[in-house]
Amino acid sequence: MNPTLSVITVVYNNVRDIERTIRSVVNQTYTNIEYIVIDGQSTDGTLEIIKSYSSRIKKLVSEPDKGIYDAMNKGLNLATGEYVIFMNSGDEFYANDTVARVFGTSEDADLYYGETEMVDAERNSLGQRRHKAPENFTWRSFKYGMSVSHQAIYIRRSLVAPYDSKYQLSADIDWIIGAAKKARKIVKVEGYVAKYLVGGMSKARHRQSLQERFDIMRKHYGLLPTVLNHAVIAFNLAWYRLKNKRTND
């Protein structure tokens, strides 16, 4: 099984991290990759780095956009592969053989997923995400939080819709749940498949993100279950912080 994978990278003025992301894509041992880069018309040297890899990039767009999900939709519109994954600037495939490992499972799935390692700006490992990827992922798996990151999900392109532009920070949750609802077969790939660059977010934007997440979960799971699930989320978060404080004391 050697399906074409459309890898989409979205970037704007991130000269520090873009090359690492590009190299993680072009150095994959799996060769059936369609690489698409959507740049928001960067002015800090990012575009020059991208162009230095032009021979390895199938499609490049550099123009202003209306935000990250508008840019990601541009990438989706250009994608022709059987599967699609977003590996945005700063994020990476876990290793050079990651894609080969995903499609080497010999199982024909609509969605493949795995675990994500968090890294800081110096690329030091921060370990596994707080939300561990479930053994059996379904569209209901996000009810207690985003248990699989978008960098670690390969989705059959025929199942995906455009990102909903009314969400500015959390549209990827809505997008993944929507695709998972349509998936007939979902396969977990053991081990890490992606590295996620942890970035700062202002408190005001964080509140907006939480509000969007609540609205998305209410849309898919219903109001009362979402309220009850958020009580569980709050408890789990408090316990996680307490446990880690004890560990570090």
C-alpha atoms as a PDB file:
ATOM      1  CA  MET A   1       0.000   0.000   0.000  1.00  0.00           C
ATOM      2  CA  ASN A   2       1.633   3.243  -1.179  1.00  0.00           C
ATOM      3  CA  PRO A   3      -1.003   5.982  -1.211  1.00  0.00           C
ATOM      4  CA  THR A   4      -0.064   9.553  -1.940  1.00  0.00           C
ATOM      5  CA  LEU A   5       0.121  11.685   1.195  1.00  0.00           C
ATOM      6  CA  SER A   6      -0.465  15.423   0.872  1.00  0.00           C
ATOM      7  CA  VAL A   7       1.633  17.130   3.550  1.00  0.00           C
ATOM      8  CA  ILE A   8       0.599  20.751   4.081  1.00  0.00           C
ATOM      9  CA  THR A   9       2.733  23.303   5.904  1.00  0.00           C
ATOM     10  CA  VAL A  10       1.301  26.691   6.830  1.00  0.00           C
ATOM     11  CA  VAL A  11       3.721  29.451   7.861  1.00  0.00           C
ATOM     12  CA  TYR A  12       4.018  33.186   8.361  1.00  0.00           C
ATOM     13  CA  ASN A  13       7.214  34.952   9.453  1.00  0.00           C
ATOM     14  CA  ASN A  14       8.802  31.979  11.215  1.00  0.00           C
ATOM     15  CA  VAL A  15      12.346  32.034   9.894  1.00  0.00           C
ATOM     16  CA  ARG A  16      13.598  30.322  13.068  1.00  0.00           C
ATOM     17  CA  ASP A  17      11.627  27.094  12.641  1.00  0.00           C
ATOM     18  CA  ILE A  18      10.518  26.685   9.017  1.00  0.00           C
ATOM     19  CA  GLU A  19      13.607  24.876   7.758  1.00  0.00           C
ATOM     20  CA  ARG A  20      13.399  22.225  10.456  1.00  0.00           C
ATOM     21  CA  THR A  21       9.807  21.493   9.446  1.00  0.00           C
ATOM     22  CA  ILE A  22      10.615  21.382   5.743  1.00  0.00           C
ATOM     23  CA  ARG A  23      13.558  19.042   6.297  1.00  0.00           C
ATOM     24  CA  SER A  24      11.409  16.689   8.365  1.00  0.00           C
ATOM     25  CA  VAL A  25       9.109  16.376   5.334  1.00  0.00           C
ATOM     26  CA  VAL A  26      11.590  16.191   2.452  1.00  0.00           C
ATOM     27  CA  ASN A  27      13.832  13.715   4.314  1.00  0.00           C
ATOM     28  CA  GLN A  28      11.076  11.137   4.725  1.00  0.00           C
ATOM     29  CA  THR A  29      12.027   7.718   3.383  1.00  0.00           C
ATOM     30  CA  TYR A  30       8.472   7.399   2.078  1.00  0.00           C
ATOM     31  CA  THR A  31       8.600   8.905  -1.415  1.00  0.00           C
ATOM     32  CA  ASN A  32       4.928   9.169  -2.370  1.00  0.00           C
ATOM     33  CA  ILE A  33       4.483  12.614  -0.797  1.00  0.00           C
ATOM     34  CA  GLU A  34       2.902  15.710  -2.287  1.00  0.00           C
ATOM     35  CA  TYR A  35       4.338  18.639  -0.356  1.00  0.00           C
ATOM     36  CA  ILE A  36       2.332  21.872  -0.239  1.00  0.00           C
ATOM     37  CA  VAL A  37       3.518  25.047   1.509  1.00  0.00           C
ATOM     38  CA  ILE A  38       1.198  27.973   2.189  1.00  0.00           C
ATOM     39  CA  ASP A  39       3.073  31.118   3.218  1.00  0.00           C
ATOM     40  CA  GLY A  40       1.276  34.257   4.405  1.00  0.00           C
ATOM     41  CA  GLN A  41       3.665  36.456   2.400  1.00  0.00           C
ATOM     42  CA  SER A  42       6.425  36.412   4.976  1.00  0.00           C
ATOM     43  CA  THR A  43       8.902  39.291   5.134  1.00  0.00           C
ATOM     44  CA  ASP A  44      11.492  37.958   7.612  1.00  0.00           C
ATOM     45  CA  GLY A  45      13.454  35.581   5.353  1.00  0.00           C
ATOM     46  CA  THR A  46      11.048  32.649   5.700  1.00  0.00           C
ATOM     47  CA  LEU A  47      10.105  32.716   2.009  1.00  0.00           C
ATOM     48  CA  GLU A  48      13.745  32.637   0.926  1.00  0.00           C
ATOM     49  CA  ILE A  49      14.305  29.473   2.965  1.00  0.00           C
ATOM     50  CA  ILE A  50      11.191  27.877   1.476  1.00  0.00           C
ATOM     51  CA  LYS A  51      12.321  28.695  -2.066  1.00  0.00           C
ATOM     52  CA  SER A  52      15.698  27.067  -1.430  1.00  0.00           C
ATOM     53  CA  TYR A  53      13.764  23.771  -1.251  1.00  0.00           C
ATOM     54  CA  SER A  54      11.606  24.512  -4.302  1.00  0.00           C
ATOM     55  CA  SER A  55      12.687  21.316  -6.059  1.00  0.00           C
ATOM     56  CA  ARG A  56      11.169  19.279  -3.217  1.00  0.00           C
ATOM     57  CA  ILE A  57       7.965  21.295  -2.869  1.00  0.00           C
ATOM     58  CA  LYS A  58       5.111  20.401  -5.210  1.00  0.00           C
ATOM     59  CA  LYS A  59       3.031  23.544  -4.686  1.00  0.00           C
ATOM     60  CA  LEU A  60       3.930  26.861  -3.058  1.00  0.00           C
ATOM     61  CA  VAL A  61       1.568  29.754  -2.412  1.00  0.00           C
ATOM     62  CA  SER A  62       2.786  33.009  -0.855  1.00  0.00           C
ATOM     63  CA  GLU A  63       0.070  35.604  -0.350  1.00  0.00           C
ATOM     64  CA  PRO A  64      -1.827  37.305   2.485  1.00  0.00           C
ATOM     65  CA  ASP A  65      -4.516  35.275   4.219  1.00  0.00           C
ATOM     66  CA  LYS A  66      -7.281  35.806   6.746  1.00  0.00           C
ATOM     67  CA  GLY A  67      -5.708  33.660   9.452  1.00  0.00           C
ATOM     68  CA  ILE A  68      -4.280  30.194   9.985  1.00  0.00           C
ATOM     69  CA  TYR A  69      -7.425  28.261   9.047  1.00  0.00           C
ATOM     70  CA  ASP A  70      -7.906  30.284   5.876  1.00  0.00           C
ATOM     71  CA  ALA A  71      -4.335  29.325   4.975  1.00  0.00           C
ATOM     72  CA  MET A  72      -4.959  25.685   5.858  1.00  0.00           C
ATOM     73  CA  ASN A  73      -8.057  25.685   3.641  1.00  0.00           C
ATOM     74  CA  LYS A  74      -5.923  26.952   0.769  1.00  0.00           C
ATOM     75  CA  GLY A  75      -3.694  23.933   1.283  1.00  0.00           C
ATOM     76  CA  LEU A  76      -6.661  21.572   1.320  1.00  0.00           C
ATOM     77  CA  ASN A  77      -7.942  23.058  -1.926  1.00  0.00           C
ATOM     78  CA  LEU A  78      -4.601  22.276  -3.602  1.00  0.00           C
ATOM     79  CA  ALA A  79      -4.193  18.770  -2.183  1.00  0.00           C
ATOM     80  CA  THR A  80      -4.672  15.788  -4.493  1.00  0.00           C
ATOM     81  CA  GLY A  81      -3.319  12.961  -2.321  1.00  0.00           C
ATOM     82  CA  GLU A  82      -5.422  10.125  -0.963  1.00  0.00           C
ATOM     83  CA  TYR A  83      -4.486  11.186   2.560  1.00  0.00           C
ATOM     84  CA  VAL A  84      -3.719  14.560   4.097  1.00  0.00           C
ATOM     85  CA  ILE A  85      -1.801  15.757   7.133  1.00  0.00           C
ATOM     86  CA  PHE A  86      -0.857  19.217   8.397  1.00  0.00           C
ATOM     87  CA  MET A  87       2.710  19.737   9.582  1.00  0.00           C
ATOM     88  CA  ASN A  88       2.810  23.459  10.267  1.00  0.00           C
ATOM     89  CA  SER A  89       5.925  25.534  10.823  1.00  0.00           C
ATOM     90  CA  GLY A  90       7.814  24.440  13.927  1.00  0.00           C
ATOM     91  CA  ASP A  91       6.313  20.955  14.008  1.00  0.00           C
ATOM     92  CA  GLU A  92       7.975  17.817  12.663  1.00  0.00           C
ATOM     93  CA  PHE A  93       7.489  14.201  11.756  1.00  0.00           C
ATOM     94  CA  TYR A  94       9.004  12.254  14.623  1.00  0.00           C
ATOM     95  CA  ALA A  95      11.624  10.498  12.486  1.00  0.00           C
ATOM     96  CA  ASN A  96      12.618  10.114   8.834  1.00  0.00           C
ATOM     97  CA  ASP A  97      10.778   6.795   8.577  1.00  0.00           C
ATOM     98  CA  THR A  98       7.562   7.962  10.253  1.00  0.00           C
ATOM     99  CA  VAL A  99       5.354   8.107   7.158  1.00  0.00           C
ATOM    100  CA  ALA A 100       6.710   4.772   5.928  1.00  0.00           C
ATOM    101  CA  ARG A 101       5.840   3.297   9.326  1.00  0.00           C
ATOM    102  CA  VAL A 102       2.313   4.705   9.222  1.00  0.00           C
ATOM    103  CA  PHE A 103       1.532   3.281   5.797  1.00  0.00           C
ATOM    104  CA  GLY A 104       3.460   0.098   6.499  1.00  0.00           C
ATOM    105  CA  THR A 105       0.819  -1.172   8.914  1.00  0.00           C
ATOM    106  CA  SER A 106      -0.760  -3.183   6.027  1.00  0.00           C
ATOM    107  CA  GLU A 107      -4.184  -2.028   7.212  1.00  0.00           C
ATOM    108  CA  ASP A 108      -6.272   0.107   4.861  1.00  0.00           C
ATOM    109  CA  ALA A 109      -7.755   2.702   7.192  1.00  0.00           C
ATOM    110  CA  ASP A 110      -9.597   5.978   6.766  1.00  0.00           C
ATOM    111  CA  LEU A 111      -7.637   7.527   9.609  1.00  0.00           C
ATOM    112  CA  TYR A 112      -4.266   6.741  11.158  1.00  0.00           C
ATOM    113  CA  TYR A 113      -3.045   8.330  14.368  1.00  0.00           C
ATOM    114  CA  GLY A 114      -0.279   8.122  16.931  1.00  0.00           C
ATOM    115  CA  GLU A 115       1.372   9.826  19.872  1.00  0.00           C
ATOM    116  CA  THR A 116       2.986  13.280  19.875  1.00  0.00           C
ATOM    117  CA  GLU A 117       6.146  14.391  21.642  1.00  0.00           C
ATOM    118  CA  MET A 118       6.245  17.992  22.847  1.00  0.00           C
ATOM    119  CA  VAL A 119       9.429  20.036  22.335  1.00  0.00           C
ATOM    120  CA  ASP A 120      10.463  23.543  23.348  1.00  0.00           C
ATOM    121  CA  ALA A 121      12.052  26.261  21.209  1.00  0.00           C
ATOM    122  CA  GLU A 122      15.493  24.678  21.711  1.00  0.00           C
ATOM    123  CA  ARG A 123      14.027  21.323  20.600  1.00  0.00           C
ATOM    124  CA  ASN A 124      14.401  19.821  24.058  1.00  0.00           C
ATOM    125  CA  SER A 125      11.885  17.066  24.699  1.00  0.00           C
ATOM    126  CA  LEU A 126       9.073  17.927  27.096  1.00  0.00           C
ATOM    127  CA  GLY A 127       7.716  14.413  26.916  1.00  0.00           C
ATOM    128  CA  GLN A 128       4.311  13.113  25.957  1.00  0.00           C
ATOM    129  CA  ARG A 129       1.247  15.339  25.845  1.00  0.00           C
ATOM    130  CA  ARG A 130      -0.942  15.384  28.957  1.00  0.00           C
ATOM    131  CA  HIS A 131      -3.758  13.826  26.918  1.00  0.00           C
ATOM    132  CA  LYS A 132      -2.468  10.395  25.928  1.00  0.00           C
ATOM    133  CA  ALA A 133      -3.660   9.099  22.569  1.00  0.00           C
ATOM    134  CA  PRO A 134      -6.407   6.519  23.217  1.00  0.00           C
ATOM    135  CA  GLU A 135      -6.041   2.909  22.183  1.00  0.00           C
ATOM    136  CA  ASN A 136      -9.273   3.101  20.192  1.00  0.00           C
ATOM    137  CA  PHE A 137      -9.846   6.582  18.832  1.00  0.00           C
ATOM    138  CA  THR A 138     -13.361   7.598  17.726  1.00  0.00           C
ATOM    139  CA  TRP A 139     -15.134  10.903  17.172  1.00  0.00           C
ATOM    140  CA  ARG A 140     -16.161  10.786  20.834  1.00  0.00           C
ATOM    141  CA  SER A 141     -12.565  10.644  22.068  1.00  0.00           C
ATOM    142  CA  PHE A 142     -12.253  14.436  22.324  1.00  0.00           C
ATOM    143  CA  LYS A 143     -14.999  14.751  24.939  1.00  0.00           C
ATOM    144  CA  TYR A 144     -12.396  15.160  27.705  1.00  0.00           C
ATOM    145  CA  GLY A 145      -9.917  17.129  25.597  1.00  0.00           C
ATOM    146  CA  MET A 146      -7.924  16.902  22.374  1.00  0.00           C
ATOM    147  CA  SER A 147      -6.390  13.484  22.892  1.00  0.00           C
ATOM    148  CA  VAL A 148      -4.647  13.390  19.493  1.00  0.00           C
ATOM    149  CA  SER A 149      -2.905  16.390  17.937  1.00  0.00           C
ATOM    150  CA  HIS A 150      -3.474  17.308  14.304  1.00  0.00           C
ATOM    151  CA  GLN A 151       0.229  16.695  13.540  1.00  0.00           C
ATOM    152  CA  ALA A 152      -0.336  13.045  14.437  1.00  0.00           C
ATOM    153  CA  ILE A 153      -3.460  12.362  12.368  1.00  0.00           C
ATOM    154  CA  TYR A 154      -3.473  11.126   8.764  1.00  0.00           C
ATOM    155  CA  ILE A 155      -6.967  11.390   7.267  1.00  0.00           C
ATOM    156  CA  ARG A 156      -8.347  10.115   3.990  1.00  0.00           C
ATOM    157  CA  ARG A 157      -8.840  13.310   2.015  1.00  0.00           C
ATOM    158  CA  SER A 158     -12.319  12.350   0.782  1.00  0.00           C
ATOM    159  CA  LEU A 159     -13.547  12.553   4.392  1.00  0.00           C
ATOM    160  CA  VAL A 160     -12.402  16.085   5.204  1.00  0.00           C
ATOM    161  CA  ALA A 161     -14.332  19.328   4.870  1.00  0.00           C
ATOM    162  CA  PRO A 162     -12.916  22.865   4.931  1.00  0.00           C
ATOM    163  CA  TYR A 163     -12.050  24.311   8.321  1.00  0.00           C
ATOM    164  CA  ASP A 164     -14.920  26.354   9.761  1.00  0.00           C
ATOM    165  CA  SER A 165     -13.811  29.983   9.566  1.00  0.00           C
ATOM    166  CA  LYS A 166     -15.961  31.037  12.522  1.00  0.00           C
ATOM    167  CA  TYR A 167     -13.394  29.396  14.806  1.00  0.00           C
ATOM    168  CA  GLN A 168     -10.111  31.308  14.965  1.00  0.00           C
ATOM    169  CA  LEU A 169      -8.134  29.108  17.371  1.00  0.00           C
ATOM    170  CA  SER A 170      -9.749  25.668  17.672  1.00  0.00           C
ATOM    171  CA  ALA A 171     -11.168  24.811  14.254  1.00  0.00           C
ATOM    172  CA  ASP A 172      -8.842  21.801  14.056  1.00  0.00           C
ATOM    173  CA  ILE A 173     -10.838  20.078  16.810  1.00  0.00           C
ATOM    174  CA  ASP A 174     -14.080  20.526  14.883  1.00  0.00           C
ATOM    175  CA  TRP A 175     -12.337  19.405  11.673  1.00  0.00           C
ATOM    176  CA  ILE A 176     -10.949  16.197  13.180  1.00  0.00           C
ATOM    177  CA  ILE A 177     -14.201  15.242  14.906  1.00  0.00           C
ATOM    178  CA  GLY A 178     -16.101  15.781  11.652  1.00  0.00           C
ATOM    179  CA  ALA A 179     -13.741  13.531   9.720  1.00  0.00           C
ATOM    180  CA  ALA A 180     -13.674  10.872  12.456  1.00  0.00           C
ATOM    181  CA  LYS A 181     -17.474  10.656  12.338  1.00  0.00           C
ATOM    182  CA  LYS A 182     -17.202   9.569   8.703  1.00  0.00           C
ATOM    183  CA  ALA A 183     -14.296   7.159   9.174  1.00  0.00           C
ATOM    184  CA  ARG A 184     -15.143   3.473   8.915  1.00  0.00           C
ATOM    185  CA  LYS A 185     -11.772   2.201  10.073  1.00  0.00           C
ATOM    186  CA  ILE A 186      -9.301   3.961  12.377  1.00  0.00           C
ATOM    187  CA  VAL A 187      -5.859   2.519  13.113  1.00  0.00           C
ATOM    188  CA  LYS A 188      -3.428   3.485  15.853  1.00  0.00           C
ATOM    189  CA  VAL A 189       0.261   3.566  14.967  1.00  0.00           C
ATOM    190  CA  GLU A 190       2.296   2.650  18.021  1.00  0.00           C
ATOM    191  CA  GLY A 191       4.795   5.135  19.392  1.00  0.00           C
ATOM    192  CA  TYR A 192       5.528   8.750  18.561  1.00  0.00           C
ATOM    193  CA  VAL A 193       4.697   9.978  15.054  1.00  0.00           C
ATOM    194  CA  ALA A 194       5.107  13.753  15.482  1.00  0.00           C
ATOM    195  CA  LYS A 195       6.882  16.495  17.392  1.00  0.00           C
ATOM    196  CA  TYR A 196       4.825  19.471  18.482  1.00  0.00           C
ATOM    197  CA  LEU A 197       6.509  22.812  19.158  1.00  0.00           C
ATOM    198  CA  VAL A 198       4.989  24.234  22.316  1.00  0.00           C
ATOM    199  CA  GLY A 199       4.249  27.932  21.903  1.00  0.00           C
ATOM    200  CA  GLY A 200       3.032  30.672  24.190  1.00  0.00           C
ATOM    201  CA  MET A 201      -0.486  32.053  24.035  1.00  0.00           C
ATOM    202  CA  SER A 202      -1.753  35.205  25.703  1.00  0.00           C
ATOM    203  CA  LYS A 203      -4.301  34.774  28.456  1.00  0.00           C
ATOM    204  CA  ALA A 204      -6.976  36.544  26.435  1.00  0.00           C
ATOM    205  CA  ARG A 205      -6.446  34.255  23.438  1.00  0.00           C
ATOM    206  CA  HIS A 206      -6.410  31.239  25.718  1.00  0.00           C
ATOM    207  CA  ARG A 207      -9.842  32.150  27.044  1.00  0.00           C
ATOM    208  CA  GLN A 208     -11.083  32.515  23.473  1.00  0.00           C
ATOM    209  CA  SER A 209      -9.673  29.088  22.634  1.00  0.00           C
ATOM    210  CA  LEU A 210     -11.444  27.514  25.620  1.00  0.00           C
ATOM    211  CA  GLN A 211     -14.740  29.142  24.620  1.00  0.00           C
ATOM    212  CA  GLU A 212     -14.399  27.839  21.076  1.00  0.00           C
ATOM    213  CA  ARG A 213     -13.617  24.350  22.345  1.00  0.00           C
ATOM    214  CA  PHE A 214     -16.714  24.383  24.528  1.00  0.00           C
ATOM    215  CA  ASP A 215     -18.870  25.479  21.578  1.00  0.00           C
ATOM    216  CA  ILE A 216     -17.393  22.780  19.351  1.00  0.00           C
ATOM    217  CA  MET A 217     -17.959  20.047  21.923  1.00  0.00           C
ATOM    218  CA  ARG A 218     -21.506  21.263  22.532  1.00  0.00           C
ATOM    219  CA  LYS A 219     -22.103  21.083  18.791  1.00  0.00           C
ATOM    220  CA  HIS A 220     -20.935  17.463  18.553  1.00  0.00           C
ATOM    221  CA  TYR A 221     -21.748  16.009  21.989  1.00  0.00           C
ATOM    222  CA  GLY A 222     -24.678  18.120  23.248  1.00  0.00           C
ATOM    223  CA  LEU A 223     -24.882  20.785  25.961  1.00  0.00           C
ATOM    224  CA  LEU A 224     -25.417  18.716  29.115  1.00  0.00           C
ATOM    225  CA  PRO A 225     -22.755  16.093  28.315  1.00  0.00           C
ATOM    226  CA  THR A 226     -20.315  18.908  27.496  1.00  0.00           C
ATOM    227  CA  VAL A 227     -20.962  20.634  30.827  1.00  0.00           C
ATOM    228  CA  LEU A 228     -20.458  17.365  32.707  1.00  0.00           C
ATOM    229  CA  ASN A 229     -17.378  16.487  30.654  1.00  0.00           C
ATOM    230  CA  HIS A 230     -15.848  19.882  31.438  1.00  0.00           C
ATOM    231  CA  ALA A 231     -16.220  19.166  35.136  1.00  0.00           C
ATOM    232  CA  VAL A 232     -14.181  16.014  34.562  1.00  0.00           C
ATOM    233  CA  ILE A 233     -11.647  17.995  32.505  1.00  0.00           C
ATOM    234  CA  ALA A 234     -11.240  20.542  35.311  1.00  0.00           C
ATOM    235  CA  PHE A 235     -10.740  17.796  37.897  1.00  0.00           C
ATOM    236  CA  ASN A 236      -8.208  15.941  35.738  1.00  0.00           C
ATOM    237  CA  LEU A 237      -6.269  19.151  35.083  1.00  0.00           C
ATOM    238  CA  ALA A 238      -6.165  20.054  38.776  1.00  0.00           C
ATOM    239  CA  TRP A 239      -5.012  16.544  39.681  1.00  0.00           C
ATOM    240  CA  TYR A 240      -2.364  16.586  36.934  1.00  0.00           C
ATOM    241  CA  ARG A 241      -0.946  19.884  38.203  1.00  0.00           C
ATOM    242  CA  LEU A 242      -0.996  18.722  41.820  1.00  0.00           C
ATOM    243  CA  LYS A 243       0.693  15.436  40.960  1.00  0.00           C
ATOM    244  CA  ASN A 244       3.407  17.157  38.943  1.00  0.00           C
ATOM    245  CA  LYS A 245       3.970  19.723  41.679  1.00  0.00           C
ATOM    246  CA  ARG A 246       4.531  16.891  44.131  1.00  0.00           C
ATOM    247  CA  THR A 247       6.894  15.202  41.677  1.00  0.00           C
ATOM    248  CA  ASN A 248       8.937  18.398  41.268  1.00  0.00           C
ATOM    249  CA  ASP A 249       9.019  19.281  44.979  1.00  0.00           C
END
